Each structure stands twice: as structure tokens, then as C-alpha cells.
Amino acid sequence: MNDTTPAAAAEFSLRLRQRSGSDRVCMVSDMFDVARAMMIARIRGVWPGISQGEMRAQLFSQLYARDFSAADHARIADRLRRT
């Protein structure tokens, strides 16, 4: 679904291009921090009292599951649980 008018999309794109590279990096970093906080909140809602190691493994799975083979994913997640 796209409810943004072409004129609004063009204006938004123009304003983003006018920002400095460092401003855009900061924006992306802030967005990642918010997304990570939302993932942590969801995980804690599903698994109250989750350990730090399991939290790391769950975050890894949500962020990088498609970037590794199943065997590598399992190995990395297990290592995160133990550290």
C-alpha cells in the first residue's frame, strides 16, 4: 500500500538528498536503535524473564537469520546463548 502522493514523495526525497551524509547516517542509526528496542520489547513480551544470552540469540535470529546457512545460524546462536 502506498498512500503518499507523488508530489509528497518527491519533496521527501529532495529533502533527504539535501541532508549531509553524516545526518543521513545518524538518521539510519537512530532508526536501527528504535527497531532494536521494539524487537527487544516484543521478545520480552513473548518470553518474560529471558536470559541475556537467549536475548542475544533471539536478536541475532531476527536480524540475521537469512544471512547464514542453517548450520552456521545454529552454531552462532548457540555461541551467543553461552556468552
PDB file of N, CA and C in Angstrom:
ATOM      1  N   MET A   1       0.845  -1.173   0.000  1.00  0.00           N
ATOM      2  CA  MET A   1       0.000   0.000   0.000  1.00  0.00           C
ATOM      3  C   MET A   1       0.891   1.237   0.000  1.00  0.00           C
ATOM      4  N   ASN A   2       0.564   2.192  -0.803  1.00  0.00           N
ATOM      5  CA  ASN A   2       1.290   3.453  -0.856  1.00  0.00           C
ATOM      6  C   ASN A   2       0.267   4.577  -0.818  1.00  0.00           C
ATOM      7  N   ASP A   3       0.233   5.277   0.309  1.00  0.00           N
ATOM      8  CA  ASP A   3      -0.741   6.361   0.436  1.00  0.00           C
ATOM      9  C   ASP A   3      -0.082   7.736   0.322  1.00  0.00           C
ATOM     10  N   THR A   4       1.148   7.762  -0.177  1.00  0.00           N
ATOM     11  CA  THR A   4       1.878   9.014  -0.343  1.00  0.00           C
ATOM     12  C   THR A   4       1.701   9.516  -1.776  1.00  0.00           C
ATOM     13  N   THR A   5       1.348  10.770  -1.911  1.00  0.00           N
ATOM     14  CA  THR A   5       1.186  11.325  -3.247  1.00  0.00           C
ATOM     15  C   THR A   5       2.556  11.439  -3.916  1.00  0.00           C
ATOM     16  N   PRO A   6       2.603  11.397  -5.226  1.00  0.00           N
ATOM     17  CA  PRO A   6       3.888  11.557  -5.916  1.00  0.00           C
ATOM     18  C   PRO A   6       4.585  12.874  -5.553  1.00  0.00           C
ATOM     19  N   ALA A   7       3.823  13.936  -5.393  1.00  0.00           N
ATOM     20  CA  ALA A   7       4.433  15.227  -5.038  1.00  0.00           C
ATOM     21  C   ALA A   7       5.061  15.169  -3.650  1.00  0.00           C
ATOM     22  N   ALA A   8       4.384  14.544  -2.697  1.00  0.00           N
ATOM     23  CA  ALA A   8       4.923  14.432  -1.341  1.00  0.00           C
ATOM     24  C   ALA A   8       6.165  13.537  -1.330  1.00  0.00           C
ATOM     25  N   ALA A   9       6.125  12.458  -2.098  1.00  0.00           N
ATOM     26  CA  ALA A   9       7.282  11.561  -2.178  1.00  0.00           C
ATOM     27  C   ALA A   9       8.479  12.279  -2.778  1.00  0.00           C
ATOM     28  N   ALA A  10       8.251  13.075  -3.806  1.00  0.00           N
ATOM     29  CA  ALA A  10       9.339  13.830  -4.438  1.00  0.00           C
ATOM     30  C   ALA A  10       9.918  14.856  -3.469  1.00  0.00           C
ATOM     31  N   GLU A  11       9.067  15.530  -2.723  1.00  0.00           N
ATOM     32  CA  GLU A  11       9.524  16.519  -1.738  1.00  0.00           C
ATOM     33  C   GLU A  11      10.347  15.844  -0.637  1.00  0.00           C
ATOM     34  N   PHE A  12       9.866  14.719  -0.159  1.00  0.00           N
ATOM     35  CA  PHE A  12      10.583  13.978   0.876  1.00  0.00           C
ATOM     36  C   PHE A  12      11.955  13.538   0.361  1.00  0.00           C
ATOM     37  N   SER A  13      11.987  12.998  -0.833  1.00  0.00           N
ATOM     38  CA  SER A  13      13.247  12.557  -1.433  1.00  0.00           C
ATOM     39  C   SER A  13      14.222  13.727  -1.593  1.00  0.00           C
ATOM     40  N   LEU A  14      13.726  14.864  -2.037  1.00  0.00           N
ATOM     41  CA  LEU A  14      14.556  16.050  -2.194  1.00  0.00           C
ATOM     42  C   LEU A  14      15.147  16.479  -0.856  1.00  0.00           C
ATOM     43  N   ARG A  15      14.308  16.506   0.171  1.00  0.00           N
ATOM     44  CA  ARG A  15      14.791  16.920   1.498  1.00  0.00           C
ATOM     45  C   ARG A  15      15.829  15.951   2.053  1.00  0.00           C
ATOM     46  N   LEU A  16      15.659  14.663   1.802  1.00  0.00           N
ATOM     47  CA  LEU A  16      16.669  13.699   2.246  1.00  0.00           C
ATOM     48  C   LEU A  16      17.993  13.915   1.511  1.00  0.00           C
ATOM     49  N   ARG A  17      17.924  14.145   0.221  1.00  0.00           N
ATOM     50  CA  ARG A  17      19.151  14.371  -0.567  1.00  0.00           C
ATOM     51  C   ARG A  17      19.874  15.638  -0.153  1.00  0.00           C
ATOM     52  N   GLN A  18      19.148  16.605   0.378  1.00  0.00           N
ATOM     53  CA  GLN A  18      19.756  17.861   0.805  1.00  0.00           C
ATOM     54  C   GLN A  18      20.488  17.737   2.135  1.00  0.00           C
ATOM     55  N   ARG A  19      20.220  16.684   2.874  1.00  0.00           N
ATOM     56  CA  ARG A  19      20.892  16.493   4.166  1.00  0.00           C
ATOM     57  C   ARG A  19      22.312  15.992   3.924  1.00  0.00           C
ATOM     58  N   SER A  20      23.171  16.285   4.869  1.00  0.00           N
ATOM     59  CA  SER A  20      24.560  15.821   4.737  1.00  0.00           C
ATOM     60  C   SER A  20      24.621  14.310   4.925  1.00  0.00           C
ATOM     61  N   GLY A  21      25.714  13.739   4.462  1.00  0.00           N
ATOM     62  CA  GLY A  21      25.909  12.303   4.621  1.00  0.00           C
ATOM     63  C   GLY A  21      25.906  11.893   6.081  1.00  0.00           C
ATOM     64  N   SER A  22      26.537  12.696   6.928  1.00  0.00           N
ATOM     65  CA  SER A  22      26.576  12.346   8.354  1.00  0.00           C
ATOM     66  C   SER A  22      25.186  12.427   8.979  1.00  0.00           C
ATOM     67  N   ASP A  23      24.372  13.383   8.541  1.00  0.00           N
ATOM     68  CA  ASP A  23      22.989  13.457   9.037  1.00  0.00           C
ATOM     69  C   ASP A  23      22.213  12.202   8.653  1.00  0.00           C
ATOM     70  N   ARG A  24      22.404  11.742   7.424  1.00  0.00           N
ATOM     71  CA  ARG A  24      21.690  10.550   6.974  1.00  0.00           C
ATOM     72  C   ARG A  24      22.154   9.310   7.720  1.00  0.00           C
ATOM     73  N   VAL A  25      23.451   9.224   8.007  1.00  0.00           N
ATOM     74  CA  VAL A  25      23.961   8.096   8.799  1.00  0.00           C
ATOM     75  C   VAL A  25      23.355   8.126  10.197  1.00  0.00           C
ATOM     76  N   CYS A  26      23.277   9.296  10.803  1.00  0.00           N
ATOM     77  CA  CYS A  26      22.662   9.425  12.131  1.00  0.00           C
ATOM     78  C   CYS A  26      21.193   9.015  12.096  1.00  0.00           C
ATOM     79  N   MET A  27      20.479   9.388  11.041  1.00  0.00           N
ATOM     80  CA  MET A  27      19.077   9.010  10.914  1.00  0.00           C
ATOM     81  C   MET A  27      18.925   7.491  10.860  1.00  0.00           C
ATOM     82  N   VAL A  28      19.766   6.851  10.057  1.00  0.00           N
ATOM     83  CA  VAL A  28      19.704   5.393   9.930  1.00  0.00           C
ATOM     84  C   VAL A  28      20.043   4.732  11.263  1.00  0.00           C
ATOM     85  N   SER A  29      21.057   5.242  11.933  1.00  0.00           N
ATOM     86  CA  SER A  29      21.454   4.690  13.226  1.00  0.00           C
ATOM     87  C   SER A  29      20.317   4.819  14.242  1.00  0.00           C
ATOM     88  N   ASP A  30      19.681   5.979  14.269  1.00  0.00           N
ATOM     89  CA  ASP A  30      18.551   6.176  15.176  1.00  0.00           C
ATOM     90  C   ASP A  30      17.401   5.226  14.849  1.00  0.00           C
ATOM     91  N   MET A  31      17.121   5.031  13.564  1.00  0.00           N
ATOM     92  CA  MET A  31      16.054   4.112  13.166  1.00  0.00           C
ATOM     93  C   MET A  31      16.382   2.685  13.583  1.00  0.00           C
ATOM     94  N   PHE A  32      17.641   2.284  13.432  1.00  0.00           N
ATOM     95  CA  PHE A  32      18.041   0.947  13.856  1.00  0.00           C
ATOM     96  C   PHE A  32      17.862   0.787  15.360  1.00  0.00           C
ATOM     97  N   ASP A  33      18.258   1.805  16.128  1.00  0.00           N
ATOM     98  CA  ASP A  33      18.107   1.745  17.592  1.00  0.00           C
ATOM     99  C   ASP A  33      16.643   1.568  17.989  1.00  0.00           C
ATOM    100  N   VAL A  34      15.750   2.275  17.315  1.00  0.00           N
ATOM    101  CA  VAL A  34      14.321   2.158  17.611  1.00  0.00           C
ATOM    102  C   VAL A  34      13.818   0.757  17.234  1.00  0.00           C
ATOM    103  N   ALA A  35      14.220   0.273  16.067  1.00  0.00           N
ATOM    104  CA  ALA A  35      13.798  -1.066  15.638  1.00  0.00           C
ATOM    105  C   ALA A  35      14.304  -2.126  16.609  1.00  0.00           C
ATOM    106  N   ARG A  36      15.547  -1.998  17.064  1.00  0.00           N
ATOM    107  CA  ARG A  36      16.123  -2.949  18.014  1.00  0.00           C
ATOM    108  C   ARG A  36      15.354  -2.908  19.337  1.00  0.00           C
ATOM    109  N   ALA A  37      15.033  -1.718  19.818  1.00  0.00           N
ATOM    110  CA  ALA A  37      14.268  -1.594  21.054  1.00  0.00           C
ATOM    111  C   ALA A  37      12.893  -2.243  20.910  1.00  0.00           C
ATOM    112  N   MET A  38      12.284  -2.105  19.750  1.00  0.00           N
ATOM    113  CA  MET A  38      10.981  -2.727  19.508  1.00  0.00           C
ATOM    114  C   MET A  38      11.107  -4.252  19.488  1.00  0.00           C
ATOM    115  N   MET A  39      12.178  -4.766  18.881  1.00  0.00           N
ATOM    116  CA  MET A  39      12.398  -6.211  18.869  1.00  0.00           C
ATOM    117  C   MET A  39      12.600  -6.738  20.286  1.00  0.00           C
ATOM    118  N   ILE A  40      13.394  -6.031  21.074  1.00  0.00           N
ATOM    119  CA  ILE A  40      13.643  -6.445  22.458  1.00  0.00           C
ATOM    120  C   ILE A  40      12.334  -6.461  23.252  1.00  0.00           C
ATOM    121  N   ALA A  41      11.518  -5.434  23.075  1.00  0.00           N
ATOM    122  CA  ALA A  41      10.234  -5.377  23.783  1.00  0.00           C
ATOM    123  C   ALA A  41       9.335  -6.539  23.381  1.00  0.00           C
ATOM    124  N   ARG A  42       9.303  -6.861  22.102  1.00  0.00           N
ATOM    125  CA  ARG A  42       8.480  -7.980  21.635  1.00  0.00           C
ATOM    126  C   ARG A  42       8.994  -9.296  22.202  1.00  0.00           C
ATOM    127  N   ILE A  43      10.305  -9.492  22.170  1.00  0.00           N
ATOM    128  CA  ILE A  43      10.887 -10.731  22.699  1.00  0.00           C
ATOM    129  C   ILE A  43      10.575 -10.865  24.186  1.00  0.00           C
ATOM    130  N   ARG A  44      10.736  -9.788  24.941  1.00  0.00           N
ATOM    131  CA  ARG A  44      10.442  -9.834  26.381  1.00  0.00           C
ATOM    132  C   ARG A  44       8.955 -10.085  26.634  1.00  0.00           C
ATOM    133  N   GLY A  45       8.107  -9.593  25.736  1.00  0.00           N
ATOM    134  CA  GLY A  45       6.679  -9.866  25.878  1.00  0.00           C
ATOM    135  C   GLY A  45       6.348 -11.333  25.655  1.00  0.00           C
ATOM    136  N   VAL A  46       7.055 -11.969  24.738  1.00  0.00           N
ATOM    137  CA  VAL A  46       6.823 -13.381  24.445  1.00  0.00           C
ATOM    138  C   VAL A  46       7.492 -14.270  25.489  1.00  0.00           C
ATOM    139  N   TRP A  47       8.704 -13.903  25.904  1.00  0.00           N
ATOM    140  CA  TRP A  47       9.476 -14.699  26.859  1.00  0.00           C
ATOM    141  C   TRP A  47       9.863 -13.843  28.071  1.00  0.00           C
ATOM    142  N   PRO A  48       8.942 -13.618  28.992  1.00  0.00           N
ATOM    143  CA  PRO A  48       9.301 -12.837  30.182  1.00  0.00           C
ATOM    144  C   PRO A  48      10.428 -13.546  30.945  1.00  0.00           C
ATOM    145  N   GLY A  49      11.353 -12.780  31.463  1.00  0.00           N
ATOM    146  CA  GLY A  49      12.457 -13.360  32.214  1.00  0.00           C
ATOM    147  C   GLY A  49      13.529 -14.007  31.359  1.00  0.00           C
ATOM    148  N   ILE A  50      13.553 -13.691  30.080  1.00  0.00           N
ATOM    149  CA  ILE A  50      14.536 -14.269  29.165  1.00  0.00           C
ATOM    150  C   ILE A  50      15.952 -13.911  29.624  1.00  0.00           C
ATOM    151  N   SER A  51      16.872 -14.836  29.491  1.00  0.00           N
ATOM    152  CA  SER A  51      18.263 -14.570  29.873  1.00  0.00           C
ATOM    153  C   SER A  51      18.924 -13.656  28.842  1.00  0.00           C
ATOM    154  N   GLN A  52      20.010 -13.025  29.247  1.00  0.00           N
ATOM    155  CA  GLN A  52      20.742 -12.144  28.320  1.00  0.00           C
ATOM    156  C   GLN A  52      21.259 -12.936  27.123  1.00  0.00           C
ATOM    157  N   GLY A  53      21.779 -14.136  27.374  1.00  0.00           N
ATOM    158  CA  GLY A  53      22.289 -14.961  26.281  1.00  0.00           C
ATOM    159  C   GLY A  53      21.204 -15.329  25.290  1.00  0.00           C
ATOM    160  N   GLU A  54      20.049 -15.720  25.801  1.00  0.00           N
ATOM    161  CA  GLU A  54      18.939 -16.060  24.908  1.00  0.00           C
ATOM    162  C   GLU A  54      18.437 -14.822  24.179  1.00  0.00           C
ATOM    163  N   MET A  55      18.454 -13.669  24.845  1.00  0.00           N
ATOM    164  CA  MET A  55      18.060 -12.422  24.184  1.00  0.00           C
ATOM    165  C   MET A  55      18.993 -12.144  23.010  1.00  0.00           C
ATOM    166  N   ARG A  56      20.292 -12.309  23.212  1.00  0.00           N
ATOM    167  CA  ARG A  56      21.246 -12.098  22.117  1.00  0.00           C
ATOM    168  C   ARG A  56      20.964 -13.058  20.962  1.00  0.00           C
ATOM    169  N   ALA A  57      20.684 -14.314  21.295  1.00  0.00           N
ATOM    170  CA  ALA A  57      20.399 -15.303  20.254  1.00  0.00           C
ATOM    171  C   ALA A  57      19.119 -14.945  19.493  1.00  0.00           C
ATOM    172  N   GLN A  58      18.091 -14.502  20.200  1.00  0.00           N
ATOM    173  CA  GLN A  58      16.835 -14.127  19.549  1.00  0.00           C
ATOM    174  C   GLN A  58      17.010 -12.899  18.655  1.00  0.00           C
ATOM    175  N   LEU A  59      17.749 -11.901  19.147  1.00  0.00           N
ATOM    176  CA  LEU A  59      18.014 -10.718  18.319  1.00  0.00           C
ATOM    177  C   LEU A  59      18.793 -11.108  17.063  1.00  0.00           C
ATOM    178  N   PHE A  60      19.810 -11.937  17.248  1.00  0.00           N
ATOM    179  CA  PHE A  60      20.587 -12.414  16.100  1.00  0.00           C
ATOM    180  C   PHE A  60      19.668 -13.093  15.083  1.00  0.00           C
ATOM    181  N   SER A  61      18.790 -13.957  15.575  1.00  0.00           N
ATOM    182  CA  SER A  61      17.888 -14.672  14.669  1.00  0.00           C
ATOM    183  C   SER A  61      16.997 -13.718  13.891  1.00  0.00           C
ATOM    184  N   GLN A  62      16.472 -12.705  14.569  1.00  0.00           N
ATOM    185  CA  GLN A  62      15.589 -11.765  13.880  1.00  0.00           C
ATOM    186  C   GLN A  62      16.334 -10.882  12.890  1.00  0.00           C
ATOM    187  N   LEU A  63      17.562 -10.535  13.224  1.00  0.00           N
ATOM    188  CA  LEU A  63      18.305  -9.614  12.363  1.00  0.00           C
ATOM    189  C   LEU A  63      19.041 -10.313  11.215  1.00  0.00           C
ATOM    190  N   TYR A  64      19.552 -11.523  11.468  1.00  0.00           N
ATOM    191  CA  TYR A  64      20.484 -12.114  10.515  1.00  0.00           C
ATOM    192  C   TYR A  64      20.143 -13.531  10.077  1.00  0.00           C
ATOM    193  N   ALA A  65      18.959 -14.021  10.364  1.00  0.00           N
ATOM    194  CA  ALA A  65      18.626 -15.412  10.058  1.00  0.00           C
ATOM    195  C   ALA A  65      18.814 -15.756   8.583  1.00  0.00           C
ATOM    196  N   ARG A  66      18.535 -14.854   7.706  1.00  0.00           N
ATOM    197  CA  ARG A  66      18.625 -15.135   6.263  1.00  0.00           C
ATOM    198  C   ARG A  66      20.042 -14.974   5.711  1.00  0.00           C
ATOM    199  N   ASP A  67      20.947 -14.502   6.548  1.00  0.00           N
ATOM    200  CA  ASP A  67      22.310 -14.233   6.088  1.00  0.00           C
ATOM    201  C   ASP A  67      23.261 -15.400   6.295  1.00  0.00           C
ATOM    202  N   PHE A  68      22.799 -16.469   6.943  1.00  0.00           N
ATOM    203  CA  PHE A  68      23.658 -17.602   7.256  1.00  0.00           C
ATOM    204  C   PHE A  68      22.953 -18.900   6.899  1.00  0.00           C
ATOM    205  N   SER A  69      23.737 -19.924   6.644  1.00  0.00           N
ATOM    206  CA  SER A  69      23.151 -21.245   6.439  1.00  0.00           C
ATOM    207  C   SER A  69      22.527 -21.690   7.759  1.00  0.00           C
ATOM    208  N   ALA A  70      21.669 -22.688   7.705  1.00  0.00           N
ATOM    209  CA  ALA A  70      21.022 -23.175   8.924  1.00  0.00           C
ATOM    210  C   ALA A  70      22.054 -23.655   9.939  1.00  0.00           C
ATOM    211  N   ALA A  71      23.083 -24.351   9.459  1.00  0.00           N
ATOM    212  CA  ALA A  71      24.115 -24.861  10.368  1.00  0.00           C
ATOM    213  C   ALA A  71      24.891 -23.714  11.009  1.00  0.00           C
ATOM    214  N   ASP A  72      25.286 -22.725  10.211  1.00  0.00           N
ATOM    215  CA  ASP A  72      26.020 -21.581  10.757  1.00  0.00           C
ATOM    216  C   ASP A  72      25.138 -20.781  11.717  1.00  0.00           C
ATOM    217  N   HIS A  73      23.888 -20.620  11.347  1.00  0.00           N
ATOM    218  CA  HIS A  73      22.961 -19.892  12.210  1.00  0.00           C
ATOM    219  C   HIS A  73      22.853 -20.579  13.562  1.00  0.00           C
ATOM    220  N   ALA A  74      22.665 -21.874  13.572  1.00  0.00           N
ATOM    221  CA  ALA A  74      22.532 -22.618  14.829  1.00  0.00           C
ATOM    222  C   ALA A  74      23.804 -22.515  15.662  1.00  0.00           C
ATOM    223  N   ARG A  75      24.958 -22.612  15.007  1.00  0.00           N
ATOM    224  CA  ARG A  75      26.236 -22.531  15.716  1.00  0.00           C
ATOM    225  C   ARG A  75      26.416 -21.153  16.355  1.00  0.00           C
ATOM    226  N   ILE A  76      26.115 -20.101  15.615  1.00  0.00           N
ATOM    227  CA  ILE A  76      26.277 -18.738  16.127  1.00  0.00           C
ATOM    228  C   ILE A  76      25.289 -18.468  17.259  1.00  0.00           C
ATOM    229  N   ALA A  77      24.026 -18.864  17.059  1.00  0.00           N
ATOM    230  CA  ALA A  77      23.010 -18.650  18.096  1.00  0.00           C
ATOM    231  C   ALA A  77      23.382 -19.385  19.384  1.00  0.00           C
ATOM    232  N   ASP A  78      23.895 -20.607  19.242  1.00  0.00           N
ATOM    233  CA  ASP A  78      24.319 -21.354  20.426  1.00  0.00           C
ATOM    234  C   ASP A  78      25.452 -20.646  21.154  1.00  0.00           C
ATOM    235  N   ARG A  79      26.392 -20.128  20.397  1.00  0.00           N
ATOM    236  CA  ARG A  79      27.512 -19.401  21.000  1.00  0.00           C
ATOM    237  C   ARG A  79      27.023 -18.145  21.729  1.00  0.00           C
ATOM    238  N   LEU A  80      26.065 -17.446  21.134  1.00  0.00           N
ATOM    239  CA  LEU A  80      25.512 -16.240  21.773  1.00  0.00           C
ATOM    240  C   LEU A  80      24.790 -16.585  23.067  1.00  0.00           C
ATOM    241  N   ARG A  81      24.127 -17.729  23.097  1.00  0.00           N
ATOM    242  CA  ARG A  81      23.431 -18.149  24.324  1.00  0.00           C
ATOM    243  C   ARG A  81      24.415 -18.403  25.464  1.00  0.00           C
ATOM    244  N   ARG A  82      25.615 -18.878  25.129  1.00  0.00           N
ATOM    245  CA  ARG A  82      26.583 -19.273  26.154  1.00  0.00           C
ATOM    246  C   ARG A  82      27.483 -18.126  26.609  1.00  0.00           C
ATOM    247  N   THR A  83      27.465 -16.979  25.914  1.00  0.00           N
ATOM    248  CA  THR A  83      28.367 -15.892  26.289  1.00  0.00           C
ATOM    249  C   THR A  83      27.649 -14.812  27.058  1.00  0.00           C
TER     250      THR A  83
END
